[in-house]
Amino acid sequence: MDAHDDAGVIDQAEGKCLCGAVTIVVAQMKPHLDICHCDMCRRWGGMAFMGISGKSFTLSGEEHVTSYPSSQWAERAFCNTCGSNLWYRFTPDDHYSFLAGLFDLPDNIGFLQQIFIDEKPGYYDFVQQCPMKTGSEIIAEAEAAGHIFPSD
């Protein structure tokens, strides 16, 4: 972890998969996590998705990355050597959210929001307080921002 500016943005953070074949360097990392409780995220990672993002990123070991189109608007990627999950990409605006566990994050990183809270099972809860939004609320926000979702 490198220096932080006054707003809490992390200037640069380096993360890697379990075997080290894939390295991701995120510039201007936001100082908070987005938490997703949707069924797909929980099946993908065995628990809620905790994602971190930034202004830009560089990737090394791209030959070890396999991506999977998990829906008509999303892609998920993993290391094809060790199986570590790497990122979720919202394809309409090409936004990448990297798994927080790939990085050594400071203890003061907080939650920005929890989404798809209506799909969260009852067997876990997080202590941190933050906005909680249902799947319908998140889809409505994305549509209001101009994103179009194909009918299933």
C-alpha atoms as a PDB file:
ATOM      1  CA  MET A   1       0.000   0.000   0.000  1.00  0.00           C
ATOM      2  CA  ASP A   2       1.405   3.366  -0.914  1.00  0.00           C
ATOM      3  CA  ALA A   3       0.608   6.855   0.337  1.00  0.00           C
ATOM      4  CA  HIS A   4      -2.925   8.159   0.894  1.00  0.00           C
ATOM      5  CA  ASP A   5      -4.138  11.638   0.024  1.00  0.00           C
ATOM      6  CA  ASP A   6      -6.297  13.826   2.274  1.00  0.00           C
ATOM      7  CA  ALA A   7      -9.594  12.448   0.905  1.00  0.00           C
ATOM      8  CA  GLY A   8      -8.631   8.898   1.855  1.00  0.00           C
ATOM      9  CA  VAL A   9      -8.056   7.778  -1.725  1.00  0.00           C
ATOM     10  CA  ILE A  10      -5.261   5.214  -1.915  1.00  0.00           C
ATOM     11  CA  ASP A  11      -2.741   6.458  -4.477  1.00  0.00           C
ATOM     12  CA  GLN A  12      -1.785   2.965  -5.612  1.00  0.00           C
ATOM     13  CA  ALA A  13      -2.478  -0.546  -4.378  1.00  0.00           C
ATOM     14  CA  GLU A  14      -1.101  -3.831  -5.638  1.00  0.00           C
ATOM     15  CA  GLY A  15      -3.043  -7.058  -5.380  1.00  0.00           C
ATOM     16  CA  LYS A  16      -2.402 -10.575  -6.542  1.00  0.00           C
ATOM     17  CA  CYS A  17      -4.036 -13.948  -6.829  1.00  0.00           C
ATOM     18  CA  LEU A  18      -3.169 -16.832  -4.521  1.00  0.00           C
ATOM     19  CA  CYS A  19      -0.377 -18.201  -6.726  1.00  0.00           C
ATOM     20  CA  GLY A  20       0.935 -14.781  -7.783  1.00  0.00           C
ATOM     21  CA  ALA A  21       0.507 -15.421 -11.517  1.00  0.00           C
ATOM     22  CA  VAL A  22      -1.843 -12.415 -11.823  1.00  0.00           C
ATOM     23  CA  THR A  23      -1.016  -9.013 -10.381  1.00  0.00           C
ATOM     24  CA  ILE A  24      -3.373  -6.028 -10.423  1.00  0.00           C
ATOM     25  CA  VAL A  25      -2.237  -2.493  -9.615  1.00  0.00           C
ATOM     26  CA  VAL A  26      -5.107  -0.073  -8.973  1.00  0.00           C
ATOM     27  CA  ALA A  27      -4.468   3.672  -9.139  1.00  0.00           C
ATOM     28  CA  GLN A  28      -6.520   6.120  -7.082  1.00  0.00           C
ATOM     29  CA  MET A  29      -8.331   3.322  -5.233  1.00  0.00           C
ATOM     30  CA  LYS A  30     -11.524   4.435  -3.539  1.00  0.00           C
ATOM     31  CA  PRO A  31     -11.362   4.126   0.265  1.00  0.00           C
ATOM     32  CA  HIS A  32     -14.470   1.963   0.597  1.00  0.00           C
ATOM     33  CA  LEU A  33     -15.950  -1.411  -0.313  1.00  0.00           C
ATOM     34  CA  ASP A  34     -19.109  -2.192  -2.232  1.00  0.00           C
ATOM     35  CA  ILE A  35     -20.825  -5.294  -0.859  1.00  0.00           C
ATOM     36  CA  CYS A  36     -23.116  -7.418  -3.025  1.00  0.00           C
ATOM     37  CA  HIS A  37     -25.367 -10.139  -1.624  1.00  0.00           C
ATOM     38  CA  CYS A  38     -26.887 -11.313  -4.925  1.00  0.00           C
ATOM     39  CA  ASP A  39     -27.244 -15.025  -5.590  1.00  0.00           C
ATOM     40  CA  MET A  40     -24.633 -14.952  -8.387  1.00  0.00           C
ATOM     41  CA  CYS A  41     -21.965 -13.243  -6.267  1.00  0.00           C
ATOM     42  CA  ARG A  42     -22.536 -15.661  -3.406  1.00  0.00           C
ATOM     43  CA  ARG A  43     -22.316 -18.693  -5.717  1.00  0.00           C
ATOM     44  CA  TRP A  44     -19.203 -17.272  -7.361  1.00  0.00           C
ATOM     45  CA  GLY A  45     -17.268 -16.597  -4.172  1.00  0.00           C
ATOM     46  CA  GLY A  46     -19.062 -18.585  -1.484  1.00  0.00           C
ATOM     47  CA  MET A  47     -20.061 -15.405   0.381  1.00  0.00           C
ATOM     48  CA  ALA A  48     -21.020 -11.804  -0.269  1.00  0.00           C
ATOM     49  CA  PHE A  49     -18.817 -10.038  -2.821  1.00  0.00           C
ATOM     50  CA  MET A  50     -16.608  -7.305  -1.369  1.00  0.00           C
ATOM     51  CA  GLY A  51     -15.337  -5.144  -4.183  1.00  0.00           C
ATOM     52  CA  ILE A  52     -12.875  -2.300  -4.450  1.00  0.00           C
ATOM     53  CA  SER A  53     -12.329  -0.033  -7.446  1.00  0.00           C
ATOM     54  CA  GLY A  54     -10.276   2.918  -8.585  1.00  0.00           C
ATOM     55  CA  LYS A  55      -9.595   5.362 -11.359  1.00  0.00           C
ATOM     56  CA  SER A  56      -7.516   2.939 -13.446  1.00  0.00           C
ATOM     57  CA  PHE A  57      -5.608  -0.324 -13.213  1.00  0.00           C
ATOM     58  CA  THR A  58      -2.817  -2.293 -14.822  1.00  0.00           C
ATOM     59  CA  LEU A  59      -2.731  -6.050 -15.100  1.00  0.00           C
ATOM     60  CA  SER A  60       0.181  -8.452 -15.416  1.00  0.00           C
ATOM     61  CA  GLY A  61      -0.168 -12.150 -16.047  1.00  0.00           C
ATOM     62  CA  GLU A  62      -3.087 -11.626 -18.408  1.00  0.00           C
ATOM     63  CA  GLU A  63      -2.430 -15.037 -19.969  1.00  0.00           C
ATOM     64  CA  HIS A  64      -3.528 -16.559 -16.641  1.00  0.00           C
ATOM     65  CA  VAL A  65      -6.895 -14.770 -16.630  1.00  0.00           C
ATOM     66  CA  THR A  66     -10.095 -16.449 -17.745  1.00  0.00           C
ATOM     67  CA  SER A  67     -13.292 -14.425 -17.904  1.00  0.00           C
ATOM     68  CA  TYR A  68     -16.843 -15.656 -17.852  1.00  0.00           C
ATOM     69  CA  PRO A  69     -19.911 -13.720 -19.086  1.00  0.00           C
ATOM     70  CA  SER A  70     -22.112 -14.349 -16.034  1.00  0.00           C
ATOM     71  CA  SER A  71     -25.068 -12.343 -17.375  1.00  0.00           C
ATOM     72  CA  GLN A  72     -25.965 -10.101 -20.292  1.00  0.00           C
ATOM     73  CA  TRP A  73     -24.375  -7.145 -18.471  1.00  0.00           C
ATOM     74  CA  ALA A  74     -21.590  -8.651 -16.374  1.00  0.00           C
ATOM     75  CA  GLU A  75     -18.335 -10.562 -16.632  1.00  0.00           C
ATOM     76  CA  ARG A  76     -16.393 -12.282 -13.862  1.00  0.00           C
ATOM     77  CA  ALA A  77     -12.738 -13.272 -14.074  1.00  0.00           C
ATOM     78  CA  PHE A  78     -10.453 -15.695 -12.269  1.00  0.00           C
ATOM     79  CA  CYS A  79      -6.875 -16.942 -12.367  1.00  0.00           C
ATOM     80  CA  ASN A  80      -6.814 -20.109 -14.466  1.00  0.00           C
ATOM     81  CA  THR A  81      -3.776 -21.365 -12.523  1.00  0.00           C
ATOM     82  CA  CYS A  82      -4.937 -21.164  -8.882  1.00  0.00           C
ATOM     83  CA  GLY A  83      -8.650 -20.368  -9.301  1.00  0.00           C
ATOM     84  CA  SER A  84      -8.635 -17.074  -7.362  1.00  0.00           C
ATOM     85  CA  ASN A  85     -11.537 -14.813  -8.286  1.00  0.00           C
ATOM     86  CA  LEU A  86     -10.213 -11.502  -9.614  1.00  0.00           C
ATOM     87  CA  TRP A  87     -12.942  -9.099 -10.680  1.00  0.00           C
ATOM     88  CA  TYR A  88     -16.514  -8.350 -11.536  1.00  0.00           C
ATOM     89  CA  ARG A  89     -16.967  -6.110 -14.599  1.00  0.00           C
ATOM     90  CA  PHE A  90     -20.210  -4.240 -15.247  1.00  0.00           C
ATOM     91  CA  THR A  91     -20.003  -4.323 -19.054  1.00  0.00           C
ATOM     92  CA  PRO A  92     -22.334  -1.406 -20.006  1.00  0.00           C
ATOM     93  CA  ASP A  93     -19.860   1.143 -18.631  1.00  0.00           C
ATOM     94  CA  ASP A  94     -16.760  -1.098 -18.454  1.00  0.00           C
ATOM     95  CA  HIS A  95     -16.516  -0.690 -14.661  1.00  0.00           C
ATOM     96  CA  TYR A  96     -14.205  -3.130 -12.850  1.00  0.00           C
ATOM     97  CA  SER A  97     -14.638  -4.052  -9.196  1.00  0.00           C
ATOM     98  CA  PHE A  98     -11.791  -6.155  -7.801  1.00  0.00           C
ATOM     99  CA  LEU A  99     -12.076  -8.611  -4.949  1.00  0.00           C
ATOM    100  CA  ALA A 100     -10.932  -6.829  -1.821  1.00  0.00           C
ATOM    101  CA  GLY A 101      -9.089  -9.919  -0.582  1.00  0.00           C
ATOM    102  CA  LEU A 102      -6.527  -9.608  -3.375  1.00  0.00           C
ATOM    103  CA  PHE A 103      -5.131  -6.484  -1.679  1.00  0.00           C
ATOM    104  CA  ASP A 104      -3.600  -5.689   1.713  1.00  0.00           C
ATOM    105  CA  LEU A 105      -6.061  -2.947   2.640  1.00  0.00           C
ATOM    106  CA  PRO A 106      -5.820  -0.609   5.615  1.00  0.00           C
ATOM    107  CA  ASP A 107      -8.101  -1.264   8.576  1.00  0.00           C
ATOM    108  CA  ASN A 108     -10.019   1.997   8.066  1.00  0.00           C
ATOM    109  CA  ILE A 109     -11.604   0.883   4.775  1.00  0.00           C
ATOM    110  CA  GLY A 110     -15.378   0.996   5.275  1.00  0.00           C
ATOM    111  CA  PHE A 111     -18.479  -0.093   3.418  1.00  0.00           C
ATOM    112  CA  LEU A 112     -19.996   2.319   0.891  1.00  0.00           C
ATOM    113  CA  GLN A 113     -23.182   0.317   0.458  1.00  0.00           C
ATOM    114  CA  GLN A 114     -24.663  -3.163   0.513  1.00  0.00           C
ATOM    115  CA  ILE A 115     -26.672  -4.089  -2.564  1.00  0.00           C
ATOM    116  CA  PHE A 116     -29.146  -6.868  -3.333  1.00  0.00           C
ATOM    117  CA  ILE A 117     -29.852  -6.890   0.379  1.00  0.00           C
ATOM    118  CA  ASP A 118     -33.143  -8.636  -0.419  1.00  0.00           C
ATOM    119  CA  GLU A 119     -31.135 -11.702  -1.549  1.00  0.00           C
ATOM    120  CA  LYS A 120     -28.912 -11.835   1.562  1.00  0.00           C
ATOM    121  CA  PRO A 121     -29.423 -15.049   3.529  1.00  0.00           C
ATOM    122  CA  GLY A 122     -30.126 -14.836   7.232  1.00  0.00           C
ATOM    123  CA  TYR A 123     -27.020 -16.731   8.343  1.00  0.00           C
ATOM    124  CA  TYR A 124     -24.705 -13.702   8.275  1.00  0.00           C
ATOM    125  CA  ASP A 125     -24.754  -9.955   8.970  1.00  0.00           C
ATOM    126  CA  PHE A 126     -22.108  -7.240   8.894  1.00  0.00           C
ATOM    127  CA  VAL A 127     -21.608  -4.858  11.799  1.00  0.00           C
ATOM    128  CA  GLN A 128     -20.689  -1.762   9.750  1.00  0.00           C
ATOM    129  CA  GLN A 129     -23.599   0.539   9.037  1.00  0.00           C
ATOM    130  CA  CYS A 130     -24.100   1.758   5.462  1.00  0.00           C
ATOM    131  CA  PRO A 131     -26.914   2.202   2.942  1.00  0.00           C
ATOM    132  CA  MET A 132     -28.657  -1.073   2.073  1.00  0.00           C
ATOM    133  CA  LYS A 133     -30.437  -1.382  -1.274  1.00  0.00           C
ATOM    134  CA  THR A 134     -32.600  -4.099  -2.784  1.00  0.00           C
ATOM    135  CA  GLY A 135     -32.011  -5.542  -6.226  1.00  0.00           C
ATOM    136  CA  SER A 136     -34.942  -3.536  -7.592  1.00  0.00           C
ATOM    137  CA  GLU A 137     -33.487  -0.317  -6.200  1.00  0.00           C
ATOM    138  CA  ILE A 138     -30.073  -0.994  -7.767  1.00  0.00           C
ATOM    139  CA  ILE A 139     -31.586  -1.863 -11.165  1.00  0.00           C
ATOM    140  CA  ALA A 140     -33.738   1.313 -11.009  1.00  0.00           C
ATOM    141  CA  GLU A 141     -30.629   3.425 -10.233  1.00  0.00           C
ATOM    142  CA  ALA A 142     -28.747   1.882 -13.167  1.00  0.00           C
ATOM    143  CA  GLU A 143     -31.696   2.427 -15.514  1.00  0.00           C
ATOM    144  CA  ALA A 144     -32.003   6.040 -14.325  1.00  0.00           C
ATOM    145  CA  ALA A 145     -28.321   6.441 -15.250  1.00  0.00           C
ATOM    146  CA  GLY A 146     -29.174   5.281 -18.782  1.00  0.00           C
ATOM    147  CA  HIS A 147     -28.282   1.586 -18.645  1.00  0.00           C
ATOM    148  CA  ILE A 148     -30.617  -0.787 -20.462  1.00  0.00           C
ATOM    149  CA  PHE A 149     -31.031  -4.345 -19.230  1.00  0.00           C
ATOM    150  CA  PRO A 150     -32.261  -7.033 -21.639  1.00  0.00           C
ATOM    151  CA  SER A 151     -35.316  -8.975 -20.536  1.00  0.00           C
ATOM    152  CA  ASP A 152     -34.579 -12.490 -19.323  1.00  0.00           C
END
